[in-house]
Amino acid sequence: NNVYVSAVNQGENPNQFIDQLSTDRIRQIHLAGHQDRKKYLFDTHDHPVCDEVWELYKKACQRFGRIPTMIERDDQIPPLRELIDELNYARKTQNKVCTKELKSESKSLWEKPKNGNKTQRKRDTVSLF
């Protein structure tokens, strides 16, 4: 949400911002809503996550892999069930994106560890925002 709101308010492309983030610096994603004040977006964390932020979240999952994600609300807090539904949607989205990514990755990303027979990733999966 912060990336989306900041990018829109500055007339920038939020997707390009995600592309420029260093993957080794990302540790967690916070998803939240905002208010549209017509001339600008106001990052209030008091609305459900909007469709544009969900799309940006998909892109972030494609770029950064599985990363801890939380739903953030600071005001107008809805019933717990609604928050859980949003969190479950985030989980399903990340699982869907990351499962597709794993299926399409080259086998060269996997290697046998020096001690044992299990495979492990050559690169670390990191977190966002």
C-alpha atoms as a PDB file:
ATOM      1  CA  ASN A   1       0.000   0.000   0.000  1.00  0.00           C
ATOM      2  CA  ASN A   2       2.786   2.471   0.818  1.00  0.00           C
ATOM      3  CA  VAL A   3       4.453   1.791  -2.515  1.00  0.00           C
ATOM      4  CA  TYR A   4       1.171   2.196  -4.385  1.00  0.00           C
ATOM      5  CA  VAL A   5       0.088   5.393  -2.593  1.00  0.00           C
ATOM      6  CA  SER A   6       3.513   7.032  -2.854  1.00  0.00           C
ATOM      7  CA  ALA A   7       3.924   6.127  -6.518  1.00  0.00           C
ATOM      8  CA  VAL A   8       0.470   7.368  -7.519  1.00  0.00           C
ATOM      9  CA  ASN A   9       0.876  10.599  -5.542  1.00  0.00           C
ATOM     10  CA  GLN A  10       4.197  11.286  -7.261  1.00  0.00           C
ATOM     11  CA  GLY A  11       2.989  10.336 -10.720  1.00  0.00           C
ATOM     12  CA  GLU A  12       5.255   7.285 -10.819  1.00  0.00           C
ATOM     13  CA  ASN A  13       4.622   3.681 -11.839  1.00  0.00           C
ATOM     14  CA  PRO A  14       4.388   1.427  -8.752  1.00  0.00           C
ATOM     15  CA  ASN A  15       5.407  -1.629 -10.817  1.00  0.00           C
ATOM     16  CA  GLN A  16       8.664   0.041 -11.801  1.00  0.00           C
ATOM     17  CA  PHE A  17       9.302   0.871  -8.153  1.00  0.00           C
ATOM     18  CA  ILE A  18       8.920  -2.816  -7.230  1.00  0.00           C
ATOM     19  CA  ASP A  19      11.321  -3.740 -10.047  1.00  0.00           C
ATOM     20  CA  GLN A  20      13.954  -1.422  -8.590  1.00  0.00           C
ATOM     21  CA  LEU A  21      13.841  -2.802  -5.041  1.00  0.00           C
ATOM     22  CA  SER A  22      16.809  -4.907  -4.012  1.00  0.00           C
ATOM     23  CA  THR A  23      15.657  -8.430  -3.210  1.00  0.00           C
ATOM     24  CA  ASP A  24      18.122  -8.751  -0.324  1.00  0.00           C
ATOM     25  CA  ARG A  25      16.563  -5.781   1.514  1.00  0.00           C
ATOM     26  CA  ILE A  26      12.938  -6.923   1.566  1.00  0.00           C
ATOM     27  CA  ARG A  27      11.685  -8.625   4.715  1.00  0.00           C
ATOM     28  CA  GLN A  28       7.900  -8.133   5.023  1.00  0.00           C
ATOM     29  CA  ILE A  29       4.831  -6.796   3.209  1.00  0.00           C
ATOM     30  CA  HIS A  30       2.119  -4.765   4.915  1.00  0.00           C
ATOM     31  CA  LEU A  31      -1.167  -4.668   3.023  1.00  0.00           C
ATOM     32  CA  ALA A  32      -3.623  -1.902   3.820  1.00  0.00           C
ATOM     33  CA  GLY A  33      -6.230   0.374   2.366  1.00  0.00           C
ATOM     34  CA  HIS A  34      -6.191   4.098   1.759  1.00  0.00           C
ATOM     35  CA  GLN A  35      -8.539   6.994   1.055  1.00  0.00           C
ATOM     36  CA  ASP A  36      -8.869   8.606  -2.355  1.00  0.00           C
ATOM     37  CA  ARG A  37      -8.962  12.364  -1.771  1.00  0.00           C
ATOM     38  CA  LYS A  38      -9.359  13.044  -5.528  1.00  0.00           C
ATOM     39  CA  LYS A  39      -6.153  15.131  -5.808  1.00  0.00           C
ATOM     40  CA  TYR A  40      -4.091  12.544  -3.938  1.00  0.00           C
ATOM     41  CA  LEU A  41      -4.277   9.240  -2.090  1.00  0.00           C
ATOM     42  CA  PHE A  42      -4.077   9.354   1.689  1.00  0.00           C
ATOM     43  CA  ASP A  43      -2.415   6.364   3.362  1.00  0.00           C
ATOM     44  CA  THR A  44      -4.885   5.862   6.208  1.00  0.00           C
ATOM     45  CA  HIS A  45      -4.838   2.075   6.712  1.00  0.00           C
ATOM     46  CA  ASP A  46      -8.575   2.266   7.357  1.00  0.00           C
ATOM     47  CA  HIS A  47     -10.052   0.572   4.286  1.00  0.00           C
ATOM     48  CA  PRO A  48      -9.856  -2.875   2.707  1.00  0.00           C
ATOM     49  CA  VAL A  49      -6.970  -3.528   0.325  1.00  0.00           C
ATOM     50  CA  CYS A  50      -7.954  -2.217  -3.123  1.00  0.00           C
ATOM     51  CA  ASP A  51      -7.670  -4.167  -6.378  1.00  0.00           C
ATOM     52  CA  GLU A  52      -4.661  -2.152  -7.563  1.00  0.00           C
ATOM     53  CA  VAL A  53      -2.729  -2.991  -4.392  1.00  0.00           C
ATOM     54  CA  TRP A  54      -3.663  -6.685  -4.746  1.00  0.00           C
ATOM     55  CA  GLU A  55      -2.215  -6.616  -8.280  1.00  0.00           C
ATOM     56  CA  LEU A  56       0.950  -4.973  -6.987  1.00  0.00           C
ATOM     57  CA  TYR A  57       1.126  -7.642  -4.265  1.00  0.00           C
ATOM     58  CA  LYS A  58       1.053 -10.346  -6.965  1.00  0.00           C
ATOM     59  CA  LYS A  59       3.957  -8.648  -8.704  1.00  0.00           C
ATOM     60  CA  ALA A  60       5.860  -8.399  -5.423  1.00  0.00           C
ATOM     61  CA  CYS A  61       5.304 -12.120  -4.783  1.00  0.00           C
ATOM     62  CA  GLN A  62       6.599 -12.905  -8.270  1.00  0.00           C
ATOM     63  CA  ARG A  63       9.714 -10.818  -7.636  1.00  0.00           C
ATOM     64  CA  PHE A  64      10.453 -11.682  -3.999  1.00  0.00           C
ATOM     65  CA  GLY A  65       8.887 -15.107  -3.498  1.00  0.00           C
ATOM     66  CA  ARG A  66       7.286 -16.232  -0.273  1.00  0.00           C
ATOM     67  CA  ILE A  67       7.550 -13.442   2.272  1.00  0.00           C
ATOM     68  CA  PRO A  68       5.763 -12.671   5.525  1.00  0.00           C
ATOM     69  CA  THR A  69       2.664 -10.593   4.854  1.00  0.00           C
ATOM     70  CA  MET A  70       0.271  -8.853   7.207  1.00  0.00           C
ATOM     71  CA  ILE A  71      -3.018  -6.974   6.888  1.00  0.00           C
ATOM     72  CA  GLU A  72      -2.731  -3.575   8.532  1.00  0.00           C
ATOM     73  CA  ARG A  73      -5.663  -1.562   9.907  1.00  0.00           C
ATOM     74  CA  ASP A  74      -5.257   1.489  12.113  1.00  0.00           C
ATOM     75  CA  ASP A  75      -8.837   2.819  12.094  1.00  0.00           C
ATOM     76  CA  GLN A  76     -12.357   1.779  11.099  1.00  0.00           C
ATOM     77  CA  ILE A  77     -11.420  -1.754  12.107  1.00  0.00           C
ATOM     78  CA  PRO A  78     -13.933  -4.229  10.657  1.00  0.00           C
ATOM     79  CA  PRO A  79     -15.136  -7.444  12.268  1.00  0.00           C
ATOM     80  CA  LEU A  80     -12.353  -9.988  12.741  1.00  0.00           C
ATOM     81  CA  ARG A  81     -13.890 -12.263  10.079  1.00  0.00           C
ATOM     82  CA  GLU A  82     -13.324  -9.595   7.397  1.00  0.00           C
ATOM     83  CA  LEU A  83      -9.665  -9.197   8.374  1.00  0.00           C
ATOM     84  CA  ILE A  84      -9.180 -12.952   8.341  1.00  0.00           C
ATOM     85  CA  ASP A  85     -10.814 -13.124   4.900  1.00  0.00           C
ATOM     86  CA  GLU A  86      -8.341 -10.521   3.596  1.00  0.00           C
ATOM     87  CA  LEU A  87      -5.428 -12.361   5.166  1.00  0.00           C
ATOM     88  CA  ASN A  88      -6.596 -15.643   3.639  1.00  0.00           C
ATOM     89  CA  TYR A  89      -6.857 -13.943   0.253  1.00  0.00           C
ATOM     90  CA  ALA A  90      -3.252 -12.741   0.661  1.00  0.00           C
ATOM     91  CA  ARG A  91      -2.150 -16.280   1.545  1.00  0.00           C
ATOM     92  CA  LYS A  92      -3.976 -17.803  -1.430  1.00  0.00           C
ATOM     93  CA  THR A  93      -2.551 -15.161  -3.737  1.00  0.00           C
ATOM     94  CA  GLN A  94       1.003 -15.742  -2.545  1.00  0.00           C
ATOM     95  CA  ASN A  95       0.609 -19.523  -2.725  1.00  0.00           C
ATOM     96  CA  LYS A  96      -0.786 -19.345  -6.262  1.00  0.00           C
ATOM     97  CA  VAL A  97       1.938 -16.994  -7.509  1.00  0.00           C
ATOM     98  CA  CYS A  98       4.792 -18.801  -5.780  1.00  0.00           C
ATOM     99  CA  THR A  99       3.597 -22.268  -6.816  1.00  0.00           C
ATOM    100  CA  LYS A 100       3.570 -21.156 -10.464  1.00  0.00           C
ATOM    101  CA  GLU A 101       7.048 -19.687  -9.961  1.00  0.00           C
ATOM    102  CA  LEU A 102       8.412 -22.915  -8.498  1.00  0.00           C
ATOM    103  CA  LYS A 103       7.017 -24.986 -11.359  1.00  0.00           C
ATOM    104  CA  SER A 104       8.640 -22.742 -13.946  1.00  0.00           C
ATOM    105  CA  GLU A 105      12.048 -22.323 -12.260  1.00  0.00           C
ATOM    106  CA  SER A 106      15.061 -24.004 -13.739  1.00  0.00           C
ATOM    107  CA  LYS A 107      16.357 -27.092 -11.981  1.00  0.00           C
ATOM    108  CA  SER A 108      19.670 -25.267 -11.663  1.00  0.00           C
ATOM    109  CA  LEU A 109      18.226 -23.445  -8.651  1.00  0.00           C
ATOM    110  CA  TRP A 110      18.264 -26.695  -6.724  1.00  0.00           C
ATOM    111  CA  GLU A 111      21.353 -28.406  -5.445  1.00  0.00           C
ATOM    112  CA  LYS A 112      22.154 -31.249  -3.094  1.00  0.00           C
ATOM    113  CA  PRO A 113      23.609 -30.160   0.225  1.00  0.00           C
ATOM    114  CA  LYS A 114      27.054 -31.351   1.155  1.00  0.00           C
ATOM    115  CA  ASN A 115      25.680 -33.323   4.104  1.00  0.00           C
ATOM    116  CA  GLY A 116      22.569 -35.344   3.285  1.00  0.00           C
ATOM    117  CA  ASN A 117      20.280 -36.228   0.428  1.00  0.00           C
ATOM    118  CA  LYS A 118      17.638 -33.497   0.642  1.00  0.00           C
ATOM    119  CA  THR A 119      17.585 -30.736  -1.930  1.00  0.00           C
ATOM    120  CA  GLN A 120      17.782 -27.101  -0.924  1.00  0.00           C
ATOM    121  CA  ARG A 121      17.474 -23.731  -2.614  1.00  0.00           C
ATOM    122  CA  LYS A 122      20.644 -22.001  -3.827  1.00  0.00           C
ATOM    123  CA  ARG A 123      19.103 -18.600  -3.135  1.00  0.00           C
ATOM    124  CA  ASP A 124      17.204 -17.272  -0.167  1.00  0.00           C
ATOM    125  CA  THR A 125      13.612 -16.148  -0.297  1.00  0.00           C
ATOM    126  CA  VAL A 126      13.231 -12.722   1.292  1.00  0.00           C
ATOM    127  CA  SER A 127      10.540 -10.304   2.491  1.00  0.00           C
ATOM    128  CA  LEU A 128       9.024  -6.966   1.325  1.00  0.00           C
ATOM    129  CA  PHE A 129       8.284  -3.350   2.452  1.00  0.00           C
END
